[in-house]
PDB file of all heavy atoms in Angstrom:
ATOM      1  N   LYS A   1       0.843  -1.204   0.000  1.00  0.00           N
ATOM      2  CA  LYS A   1       0.000   0.000   0.000  1.00  0.00           C
ATOM      3  C   LYS A   1       0.872   1.244   0.000  1.00  0.00           C
ATOM      4  O   LYS A   1       1.816   1.351   0.784  1.00  0.00           O
ATOM      5  CB  LYS A   1      -0.914   0.003   1.228  1.00  0.00           C
ATOM      6  CG  LYS A   1      -1.854   1.196   1.296  1.00  0.00           C
ATOM      7  CD  LYS A   1      -2.717   1.122   2.540  1.00  0.00           C
ATOM      8  CE  LYS A   1      -3.644   2.341   2.637  1.00  0.00           C
ATOM      9  NZ  LYS A   1      -4.452   2.306   3.882  1.00  0.00           N
ATOM     10  N   PHE A   2       0.543   2.183  -0.871  1.00  0.00           N
ATOM     11  CA  PHE A   2       1.258   3.457  -0.934  1.00  0.00           C
ATOM     12  C   PHE A   2       0.508   4.477  -0.084  1.00  0.00           C
ATOM     13  O   PHE A   2      -0.712   4.627  -0.189  1.00  0.00           O
ATOM     14  CB  PHE A   2       1.336   3.946  -2.378  1.00  0.00           C
ATOM     15  CG  PHE A   2       2.033   5.267  -2.535  1.00  0.00           C
ATOM     16  CD1 PHE A   2       3.414   5.357  -2.499  1.00  0.00           C
ATOM     17  CD2 PHE A   2       1.298   6.426  -2.721  1.00  0.00           C
ATOM     18  CE1 PHE A   2       4.053   6.582  -2.640  1.00  0.00           C
ATOM     19  CE2 PHE A   2       1.931   7.657  -2.867  1.00  0.00           C
ATOM     20  CZ  PHE A   2       3.314   7.723  -2.830  1.00  0.00           C
ATOM     21  N   THR A   3       1.227   5.178   0.787  1.00  0.00           N
ATOM     22  CA  THR A   3       0.597   6.177   1.648  1.00  0.00           C
ATOM     23  C   THR A   3       1.350   7.502   1.575  1.00  0.00           C
ATOM     24  O   THR A   3       2.567   7.533   1.345  1.00  0.00           O
ATOM     25  CB  THR A   3       0.563   5.708   3.122  1.00  0.00           C
ATOM     26  OG1 THR A   3       1.898   5.461   3.573  1.00  0.00           O
ATOM     27  CG2 THR A   3      -0.256   4.439   3.265  1.00  0.00           C
ATOM     28  N   VAL A   4       0.605   8.568   1.766  1.00  0.00           N
ATOM     29  CA  VAL A   4       1.167   9.917   1.783  1.00  0.00           C
ATOM     30  C   VAL A   4       0.876  10.535   3.148  1.00  0.00           C
ATOM     31  O   VAL A   4      -0.267  10.556   3.594  1.00  0.00           O
ATOM     32  CB  VAL A   4       0.557  10.805   0.682  1.00  0.00           C
ATOM     33  CG1 VAL A   4       1.164  12.208   0.737  1.00  0.00           C
ATOM     34  CG2 VAL A   4       0.752  10.185  -0.691  1.00  0.00           C
ATOM     35  N   GLU A   5       1.910  11.017   3.813  1.00  0.00           N
ATOM     36  CA  GLU A   5       1.745  11.683   5.106  1.00  0.00           C
ATOM     37  C   GLU A   5       2.000  13.181   4.928  1.00  0.00           C
ATOM     38  O   GLU A   5       3.076  13.581   4.490  1.00  0.00           O
ATOM     39  CB  GLU A   5       2.701  11.096   6.146  1.00  0.00           C
ATOM     40  CG  GLU A   5       2.379   9.650   6.493  1.00  0.00           C
ATOM     41  CD  GLU A   5       3.226   9.119   7.634  1.00  0.00           C
ATOM     42  OE1 GLU A   5       4.079   9.894   8.158  1.00  0.00           O
ATOM     43  OE2 GLU A   5       3.052   7.943   8.000  1.00  0.00           O
ATOM     44  N   LEU A   6       0.981  13.975   5.246  1.00  0.00           N
ATOM     45  CA  LEU A   6       1.058  15.427   5.071  1.00  0.00           C
ATOM     46  C   LEU A   6       1.394  16.096   6.399  1.00  0.00           C
ATOM     47  O   LEU A   6       0.902  15.706   7.454  1.00  0.00           O
ATOM     48  CB  LEU A   6      -0.275  15.970   4.545  1.00  0.00           C
ATOM     49  CG  LEU A   6      -0.749  15.420   3.199  1.00  0.00           C
ATOM     50  CD1 LEU A   6      -2.129  15.978   2.860  1.00  0.00           C
ATOM     51  CD2 LEU A   6       0.242  15.767   2.099  1.00  0.00           C
ATOM     52  N   SER A   7       2.237  17.111   6.335  1.00  0.00           N
ATOM     53  CA  SER A   7       2.587  17.895   7.519  1.00  0.00           C
ATOM     54  C   SER A   7       2.950  19.304   7.065  1.00  0.00           C
ATOM     55  O   SER A   7       2.883  19.626   5.880  1.00  0.00           O
ATOM     56  CB  SER A   7       3.752  17.241   8.278  1.00  0.00           C
ATOM     57  OG  SER A   7       4.901  17.152   7.445  1.00  0.00           O
ATOM     58  N   GLU A   8       3.315  20.139   8.013  1.00  0.00           N
ATOM     59  CA  GLU A   8       3.722  21.506   7.698  1.00  0.00           C
ATOM     60  C   GLU A   8       5.055  21.810   8.358  1.00  0.00           C
ATOM     61  O   GLU A   8       5.322  21.356   9.468  1.00  0.00           O
ATOM     62  CB  GLU A   8       2.669  22.518   8.163  1.00  0.00           C
ATOM     63  CG  GLU A   8       1.421  22.543   7.304  1.00  0.00           C
ATOM     64  CD  GLU A   8       0.551  23.747   7.612  1.00  0.00           C
ATOM     65  OE1 GLU A   8       0.988  24.599   8.425  1.00  0.00           O
ATOM     66  OE2 GLU A   8      -0.544  23.846   7.046  1.00  0.00           O
ATOM     67  N   LYS A   9       5.876  22.560   7.649  1.00  0.00           N
ATOM     68  CA  LYS A   9       7.149  23.013   8.191  1.00  0.00           C
ATOM     69  C   LYS A   9       7.340  24.469   7.798  1.00  0.00           C
ATOM     70  O   LYS A   9       7.352  24.796   6.620  1.00  0.00           O
ATOM     71  CB  LYS A   9       8.302  22.146   7.658  1.00  0.00           C
ATOM     72  CG  LYS A   9       9.646  22.482   8.287  1.00  0.00           C
ATOM     73  CD  LYS A   9      10.725  21.516   7.805  1.00  0.00           C
ATOM     74  CE  LYS A   9      12.062  21.799   8.474  1.00  0.00           C
ATOM     75  NZ  LYS A   9      13.112  20.855   8.008  1.00  0.00           N
ATOM     76  N   ARG A  10       7.442  25.311   8.791  1.00  0.00           N
ATOM     77  CA  ARG A  10       7.565  26.759   8.568  1.00  0.00           C
ATOM     78  C   ARG A  10       6.417  27.287   7.719  1.00  0.00           C
ATOM     79  O   ARG A  10       6.597  28.122   6.837  1.00  0.00           O
ATOM     80  CB  ARG A  10       8.901  27.082   7.905  1.00  0.00           C
ATOM     81  CG  ARG A  10      10.109  26.724   8.771  1.00  0.00           C
ATOM     82  CD  ARG A  10      11.410  27.007   8.054  1.00  0.00           C
ATOM     83  NE  ARG A  10      12.560  26.633   8.881  1.00  0.00           N
ATOM     84  CZ  ARG A  10      13.819  26.709   8.483  1.00  0.00           C
ATOM     85  NH1 ARG A  10      14.090  27.145   7.252  1.00  0.00           N
ATOM     86  NH2 ARG A  10      14.794  26.342   9.277  1.00  0.00           N
ATOM     87  N   GLY A  11       5.224  26.755   7.982  1.00  0.00           N
ATOM     88  CA  GLY A  11       4.033  27.222   7.297  1.00  0.00           C
ATOM     89  C   GLY A  11       3.833  26.670   5.900  1.00  0.00           C
ATOM     90  O   GLY A  11       2.873  27.030   5.228  1.00  0.00           O
ATOM     91  N   LEU A  12       4.722  25.784   5.458  1.00  0.00           N
ATOM     92  CA  LEU A  12       4.621  25.212   4.117  1.00  0.00           C
ATOM     93  C   LEU A  12       4.238  23.739   4.212  1.00  0.00           C
ATOM     94  O   LEU A  12       4.750  23.013   5.070  1.00  0.00           O
ATOM     95  CB  LEU A  12       5.946  25.352   3.365  1.00  0.00           C
ATOM     96  CG  LEU A  12       6.424  26.781   3.103  1.00  0.00           C
ATOM     97  CD1 LEU A  12       7.805  26.756   2.452  1.00  0.00           C
ATOM     98  CD2 LEU A  12       5.438  27.535   2.215  1.00  0.00           C
ATOM     99  N   PRO A  13       3.310  23.282   3.331  1.00  0.00           N
ATOM    100  CA  PRO A  13       2.905  21.868   3.364  1.00  0.00           C
ATOM    101  C   PRO A  13       4.023  20.964   2.877  1.00  0.00           C
ATOM    102  O   PRO A  13       4.744  21.288   1.940  1.00  0.00           O
ATOM    103  CB  PRO A  13       1.697  21.837   2.409  1.00  0.00           C
ATOM    104  CG  PRO A  13       1.901  22.998   1.489  1.00  0.00           C
ATOM    105  CD  PRO A  13       2.582  24.057   2.302  1.00  0.00           C
ATOM    106  N   ILE A  14       4.175  19.829   3.536  1.00  0.00           N
ATOM    107  CA  ILE A  14       5.197  18.851   3.185  1.00  0.00           C
ATOM    108  C   ILE A  14       4.529  17.489   3.047  1.00  0.00           C
ATOM    109  O   ILE A  14       3.663  17.127   3.846  1.00  0.00           O
ATOM    110  CB  ILE A  14       6.303  18.779   4.260  1.00  0.00           C
ATOM    111  CG1 ILE A  14       7.059  20.106   4.334  1.00  0.00           C
ATOM    112  CG2 ILE A  14       7.287  17.649   3.972  1.00  0.00           C
ATOM    113  CD1 ILE A  14       8.077  20.153   5.441  1.00  0.00           C
ATOM    114  N   ALA A  15       4.907  16.754   2.023  1.00  0.00           N
ATOM    115  CA  ALA A  15       4.366  15.405   1.813  1.00  0.00           C
ATOM    116  C   ALA A  15       5.510  14.399   1.822  1.00  0.00           C
ATOM    117  O   ALA A  15       6.532  14.603   1.168  1.00  0.00           O
ATOM    118  CB  ALA A  15       3.610  15.337   0.488  1.00  0.00           C
ATOM    119  N   GLU A  16       5.330  13.327   2.584  1.00  0.00           N
ATOM    120  CA  GLU A  16       6.297  12.240   2.610  1.00  0.00           C
ATOM    121  C   GLU A  16       5.617  10.976   2.102  1.00  0.00           C
ATOM    122  O   GLU A  16       4.456  10.703   2.430  1.00  0.00           O
ATOM    123  CB  GLU A  16       6.833  12.026   4.024  1.00  0.00           C
ATOM    124  CG  GLU A  16       7.739  13.143   4.513  1.00  0.00           C
ATOM    125  CD  GLU A  16       8.411  12.789   5.826  1.00  0.00           C
ATOM    126  OE1 GLU A  16       7.729  12.859   6.859  1.00  0.00           O
ATOM    127  OE2 GLU A  16       9.614  12.448   5.809  1.00  0.00           O
ATOM    128  N   PHE A  17       6.345  10.197   1.294  1.00  0.00           N
ATOM    129  CA  PHE A  17       5.789   9.011   0.668  1.00  0.00           C
ATOM    130  C   PHE A  17       6.318   7.757   1.356  1.00  0.00           C
ATOM    131  O   PHE A  17       7.509   7.665   1.687  1.00  0.00           O
ATOM    132  CB  PHE A  17       6.143   8.968  -0.814  1.00  0.00           C
ATOM    133  CG  PHE A  17       5.687  10.189  -1.582  1.00  0.00           C
ATOM    134  CD1 PHE A  17       6.457  10.704  -2.620  1.00  0.00           C
ATOM    135  CD2 PHE A  17       4.506  10.828  -1.264  1.00  0.00           C
ATOM    136  CE1 PHE A  17       6.046  11.819  -3.327  1.00  0.00           C
ATOM    137  CE2 PHE A  17       4.085  11.950  -1.956  1.00  0.00           C
ATOM    138  CZ  PHE A  17       4.857  12.449  -2.999  1.00  0.00           C
ATOM    139  N   PHE A  18       5.425   6.761   1.491  1.00  0.00           N
ATOM    140  CA  PHE A  18       5.808   5.500   2.113  1.00  0.00           C
ATOM    141  C   PHE A  18       5.137   4.334   1.383  1.00  0.00           C
ATOM    142  O   PHE A  18       4.081   4.502   0.767  1.00  0.00           O
ATOM    143  CB  PHE A  18       5.394   5.459   3.589  1.00  0.00           C
ATOM    144  CG  PHE A  18       6.080   6.482   4.446  1.00  0.00           C
ATOM    145  CD1 PHE A  18       5.500   7.727   4.667  1.00  0.00           C
ATOM    146  CD2 PHE A  18       7.310   6.207   5.029  1.00  0.00           C
ATOM    147  CE1 PHE A  18       6.125   8.677   5.451  1.00  0.00           C
ATOM    148  CE2 PHE A  18       7.953   7.156   5.818  1.00  0.00           C
ATOM    149  CZ  PHE A  18       7.361   8.393   6.030  1.00  0.00           C
ATOM    150  N   VAL A  19       5.770   3.181   1.463  1.00  0.00           N
ATOM    151  CA  VAL A  19       5.190   1.940   0.956  1.00  0.00           C
ATOM    152  C   VAL A  19       5.086   0.977   2.128  1.00  0.00           C
ATOM    153  O   VAL A  19       6.077   0.698   2.808  1.00  0.00           O
ATOM    154  CB  VAL A  19       6.051   1.321  -0.167  1.00  0.00           C
ATOM    155  CG1 VAL A  19       5.482  -0.039  -0.579  1.00  0.00           C
ATOM    156  CG2 VAL A  19       6.097   2.249  -1.367  1.00  0.00           C
ATOM    157  N   GLU A  20       3.868   0.483   2.376  1.00  0.00           N
ATOM    158  CA  GLU A  20       3.626  -0.472   3.452  1.00  0.00           C
ATOM    159  C   GLU A  20       3.432  -1.857   2.847  1.00  0.00           C
ATOM    160  O   GLU A  20       2.582  -2.050   1.981  1.00  0.00           O
ATOM    161  CB  GLU A  20       2.395  -0.066   4.267  1.00  0.00           C
ATOM    162  CG  GLU A  20       2.527   1.308   4.916  1.00  0.00           C
ATOM    163  CD  GLU A  20       1.279   1.700   5.693  1.00  0.00           C
ATOM    164  OE1 GLU A  20       0.385   0.836   5.849  1.00  0.00           O
ATOM    165  OE2 GLU A  20       1.190   2.860   6.129  1.00  0.00           O
ATOM    166  N   SER A  21       4.213  -2.816   3.315  1.00  0.00           N
ATOM    167  CA  SER A  21       4.171  -4.175   2.761  1.00  0.00           C
ATOM    168  C   SER A  21       3.965  -5.192   3.869  1.00  0.00           C
ATOM    169  O   SER A  21       4.492  -5.041   4.978  1.00  0.00           O
ATOM    170  CB  SER A  21       5.474  -4.493   2.011  1.00  0.00           C
ATOM    171  OG  SER A  21       5.715  -3.539   0.995  1.00  0.00           O
ATOM    172  N   ASP A  22       3.182  -6.234   3.556  1.00  0.00           N
ATOM    173  CA  ASP A  22       2.937  -7.331   4.501  1.00  0.00           C
ATOM    174  C   ASP A  22       3.963  -8.432   4.304  1.00  0.00           C
ATOM    175  O   ASP A  22       4.222  -8.851   3.174  1.00  0.00           O
ATOM    176  CB  ASP A  22       1.532  -7.895   4.305  1.00  0.00           C
ATOM    177  CG  ASP A  22       0.469  -6.971   4.875  1.00  0.00           C
ATOM    178  OD1 ASP A  22       0.702  -6.394   5.946  1.00  0.00           O
ATOM    179  OD2 ASP A  22      -0.584  -6.816   4.233  1.00  0.00           O
ATOM    180  N   TYR A  23       4.508  -8.911   5.407  1.00  0.00           N
ATOM    181  CA  TYR A  23       5.416 -10.044   5.387  1.00  0.00           C
ATOM    182  C   TYR A  23       4.962 -11.031   6.465  1.00  0.00           C
ATOM    183  O   TYR A  23       5.504 -11.064   7.570  1.00  0.00           O
ATOM    184  CB  TYR A  23       6.856  -9.607   5.645  1.00  0.00           C
ATOM    185  CG  TYR A  23       7.425  -8.737   4.545  1.00  0.00           C
ATOM    186  CD1 TYR A  23       7.389  -7.357   4.658  1.00  0.00           C
ATOM    187  CD2 TYR A  23       7.977  -9.303   3.405  1.00  0.00           C
ATOM    188  CE1 TYR A  23       7.900  -6.544   3.649  1.00  0.00           C
ATOM    189  CE2 TYR A  23       8.500  -8.495   2.393  1.00  0.00           C
ATOM    190  CZ  TYR A  23       8.451  -7.128   2.524  1.00  0.00           C
ATOM    191  OH  TYR A  23       8.954  -6.328   1.520  1.00  0.00           O
ATOM    192  N   GLY A  24       3.931 -11.758   6.116  1.00  0.00           N
ATOM    193  CA  GLY A  24       3.415 -12.728   7.081  1.00  0.00           C
ATOM    194  C   GLY A  24       2.746 -12.056   8.258  1.00  0.00           C
ATOM    195  O   GLY A  24       1.719 -11.390   8.108  1.00  0.00           O
ATOM    196  N   ASP A  25       3.359 -12.206   9.409  1.00  0.00           N
ATOM    197  CA  ASP A  25       2.752 -11.684  10.644  1.00  0.00           C
ATOM    198  C   ASP A  25       3.122 -10.238  10.947  1.00  0.00           C
ATOM    199  O   ASP A  25       2.679  -9.692  11.957  1.00  0.00           O
ATOM    200  CB  ASP A  25       3.171 -12.559  11.842  1.00  0.00           C
ATOM    201  CG  ASP A  25       2.645 -13.982  11.709  1.00  0.00           C
ATOM    202  OD1 ASP A  25       1.598 -14.154  11.054  1.00  0.00           O
ATOM    203  OD2 ASP A  25       3.291 -14.897  12.247  1.00  0.00           O
ATOM    204  N   TYR A  26       3.944  -9.627  10.134  1.00  0.00           N
ATOM    205  CA  TYR A  26       4.319  -8.243  10.420  1.00  0.00           C
ATOM    206  C   TYR A  26       4.256  -7.398   9.156  1.00  0.00           C
ATOM    207  O   TYR A  26       4.254  -7.910   8.040  1.00  0.00           O
ATOM    208  CB  TYR A  26       5.719  -8.173  11.041  1.00  0.00           C
ATOM    209  CG  TYR A  26       6.832  -8.674  10.140  1.00  0.00           C
ATOM    210  CD1 TYR A  26       7.552  -7.793   9.344  1.00  0.00           C
ATOM    211  CD2 TYR A  26       7.169 -10.031  10.094  1.00  0.00           C
ATOM    212  CE1 TYR A  26       8.583  -8.244   8.525  1.00  0.00           C
ATOM    213  CE2 TYR A  26       8.190 -10.487   9.275  1.00  0.00           C
ATOM    214  CZ  TYR A  26       8.890  -9.589   8.494  1.00  0.00           C
ATOM    215  OH  TYR A  26       9.892 -10.038   7.678  1.00  0.00           O
ATOM    216  N   ARG A  27       4.163  -6.107   9.354  1.00  0.00           N
ATOM    217  CA  ARG A  27       4.022  -5.151   8.257  1.00  0.00           C
ATOM    218  C   ARG A  27       5.181  -4.158   8.318  1.00  0.00           C
ATOM    219  O   ARG A  27       5.512  -3.639   9.383  1.00  0.00           O
ATOM    220  CB  ARG A  27       2.683  -4.413   8.349  1.00  0.00           C
ATOM    221  CG  ARG A  27       2.329  -3.588   7.117  1.00  0.00           C
ATOM    222  CD  ARG A  27       0.887  -3.098   7.223  1.00  0.00           C
ATOM    223  NE  ARG A  27       0.457  -2.405   6.015  1.00  0.00           N
ATOM    224  CZ  ARG A  27      -0.001  -3.011   4.934  1.00  0.00           C
ATOM    225  NH1 ARG A  27      -0.077  -4.331   4.919  1.00  0.00           N
ATOM    226  NH2 ARG A  27      -0.390  -2.331   3.872  1.00  0.00           N
ATOM    227  N   VAL A  28       5.786  -3.904   7.177  1.00  0.00           N
ATOM    228  CA  VAL A  28       6.939  -3.009   7.099  1.00  0.00           C
ATOM    229  C   VAL A  28       6.545  -1.741   6.352  1.00  0.00           C
ATOM    230  O   VAL A  28       5.916  -1.798   5.291  1.00  0.00           O
ATOM    231  CB  VAL A  28       8.121  -3.696   6.386  1.00  0.00           C
ATOM    232  CG1 VAL A  28       9.287  -2.720   6.240  1.00  0.00           C
ATOM    233  CG2 VAL A  28       8.560  -4.936   7.150  1.00  0.00           C
ATOM    234  N   LYS A  29       6.930  -0.608   6.920  1.00  0.00           N
ATOM    235  CA  LYS A  29       6.641   0.691   6.307  1.00  0.00           C
ATOM    236  C   LYS A  29       7.965   1.374   6.005  1.00  0.00           C
ATOM    237  O   LYS A  29       8.731   1.686   6.919  1.00  0.00           O
ATOM    238  CB  LYS A  29       5.798   1.543   7.261  1.00  0.00           C
ATOM    239  CG  LYS A  29       5.489   2.944   6.769  1.00  0.00           C
ATOM    240  CD  LYS A  29       4.649   3.684   7.802  1.00  0.00           C
ATOM    241  CE  LYS A  29       4.374   5.109   7.393  1.00  0.00           C
ATOM    242  NZ  LYS A  29       3.593   5.838   8.410  1.00  0.00           N
ATOM    243  N   THR A  30       8.228   1.614   4.735  1.00  0.00           N
ATOM    244  CA  THR A  30       9.495   2.228   4.338  1.00  0.00           C
ATOM    245  C   THR A  30       9.246   3.287   3.278  1.00  0.00           C
ATOM    246  O   THR A  30       8.196   3.310   2.626  1.00  0.00           O
ATOM    247  CB  THR A  30      10.475   1.186   3.763  1.00  0.00           C
ATOM    248  OG1 THR A  30       9.852   0.542   2.636  1.00  0.00           O
ATOM    249  CG2 THR A  30      10.838   0.148   4.790  1.00  0.00           C
ATOM    250  N   LYS A  31      10.233   4.150   3.084  1.00  0.00           N
ATOM    251  CA  LYS A  31      10.187   5.091   1.978  1.00  0.00           C
ATOM    252  C   LYS A  31      10.528   4.346   0.695  1.00  0.00           C
ATOM    253  O   LYS A  31      11.325   3.404   0.713  1.00  0.00           O
ATOM    254  CB  LYS A  31      11.159   6.243   2.201  1.00  0.00           C
ATOM    255  CG  LYS A  31      10.750   7.151   3.362  1.00  0.00           C
ATOM    256  CD  LYS A  31      11.648   8.380   3.451  1.00  0.00           C
ATOM    257  CE  LYS A  31      11.146   9.315   4.548  1.00  0.00           C
ATOM    258  NZ  LYS A  31      11.956  10.551   4.628  1.00  0.00           N
ATOM    259  N   PRO A  32       9.918   4.728  -0.440  1.00  0.00           N
ATOM    260  CA  PRO A  32      10.144   3.997  -1.698  1.00  0.00           C
ATOM    261  C   PRO A  32      11.614   3.852  -2.050  1.00  0.00           C
ATOM    262  O   PRO A  32      12.045   2.797  -2.511  1.00  0.00           O
ATOM    263  CB  PRO A  32       9.404   4.846  -2.735  1.00  0.00           C
ATOM    264  CG  PRO A  32       8.344   5.550  -1.977  1.00  0.00           C
ATOM    265  CD  PRO A  32       8.943   5.823  -0.615  1.00  0.00           C
ATOM    266  N   GLU A  33      12.404   4.904  -1.826  1.00  0.00           N
ATOM    267  CA  GLU A  33      13.817   4.837  -2.195  1.00  0.00           C
ATOM    268  C   GLU A  33      14.613   3.901  -1.297  1.00  0.00           C
ATOM    269  O   GLU A  33      15.735   3.519  -1.618  1.00  0.00           O
ATOM    270  CB  GLU A  33      14.451   6.225  -2.163  1.00  0.00           C
ATOM    271  CG  GLU A  33      14.457   6.913  -0.810  1.00  0.00           C
ATOM    272  CD  GLU A  33      13.203   7.730  -0.554  1.00  0.00           C
ATOM    273  OE1 GLU A  33      12.178   7.468  -1.201  1.00  0.00           O
ATOM    274  OE2 GLU A  33      13.269   8.637   0.300  1.00  0.00           O
ATOM    275  N   GLN A  34      14.008   3.495  -0.170  1.00  0.00           N
ATOM    276  CA  GLN A  34      14.676   2.566   0.729  1.00  0.00           C
ATOM    277  C   GLN A  34      14.173   1.140   0.575  1.00  0.00           C
ATOM    278  O   GLN A  34      14.705   0.219   1.193  1.00  0.00           O
ATOM    279  CB  GLN A  34      14.488   3.025   2.183  1.00  0.00           C
ATOM    280  CG  GLN A  34      15.128   4.379   2.479  1.00  0.00           C
ATOM    281  CD  GLN A  34      14.763   4.906   3.856  1.00  0.00           C
ATOM    282  OE1 GLN A  34      13.880   4.380   4.518  1.00  0.00           O
ATOM    283  NE2 GLN A  34      15.472   5.953   4.292  1.00  0.00           N
ATOM    284  N   SER A  35      13.141   0.973  -0.254  1.00  0.00           N
ATOM    285  CA  SER A  35      12.591  -0.364  -0.476  1.00  0.00           C
ATOM    286  C   SER A  35      13.544  -1.156  -1.355  1.00  0.00           C
ATOM    287  O   SER A  35      14.168  -0.621  -2.271  1.00  0.00           O
ATOM    288  CB  SER A  35      11.217  -0.279  -1.152  1.00  0.00           C
ATOM    289  OG  SER A  35      10.299   0.413  -0.344  1.00  0.00           O
ATOM    290  N   ARG A  36      13.614  -2.440  -1.092  1.00  0.00           N
ATOM    291  CA  ARG A  36      14.538  -3.297  -1.829  1.00  0.00           C
ATOM    292  C   ARG A  36      13.756  -4.298  -2.674  1.00  0.00           C
ATOM    293  O   ARG A  36      12.724  -4.786  -2.282  1.00  0.00           O
ATOM    294  CB  ARG A  36      15.465  -4.056  -0.874  1.00  0.00           C
ATOM    295  CG  ARG A  36      16.374  -3.136  -0.069  1.00  0.00           C
ATOM    296  CD  ARG A  36      17.314  -3.946   0.802  1.00  0.00           C
ATOM    297  NE  ARG A  36      18.214  -3.063   1.550  1.00  0.00           N
ATOM    298  CZ  ARG A  36      19.347  -2.593   1.088  1.00  0.00           C
ATOM    299  NH1 ARG A  36      19.740  -2.901  -0.134  1.00  0.00           N
ATOM    300  NH2 ARG A  36      20.106  -1.816   1.825  1.00  0.00           N
TER     301      ARG A  36
END
């Protein structure tokens, strides 16, 4: 699952991207550039 987390820094909107993947009994959430 691809997710976007929105926040603000110094009054400006910031978006961070993540990919959540299931591996059996646990779920891993990483940034796309860190996914292998």
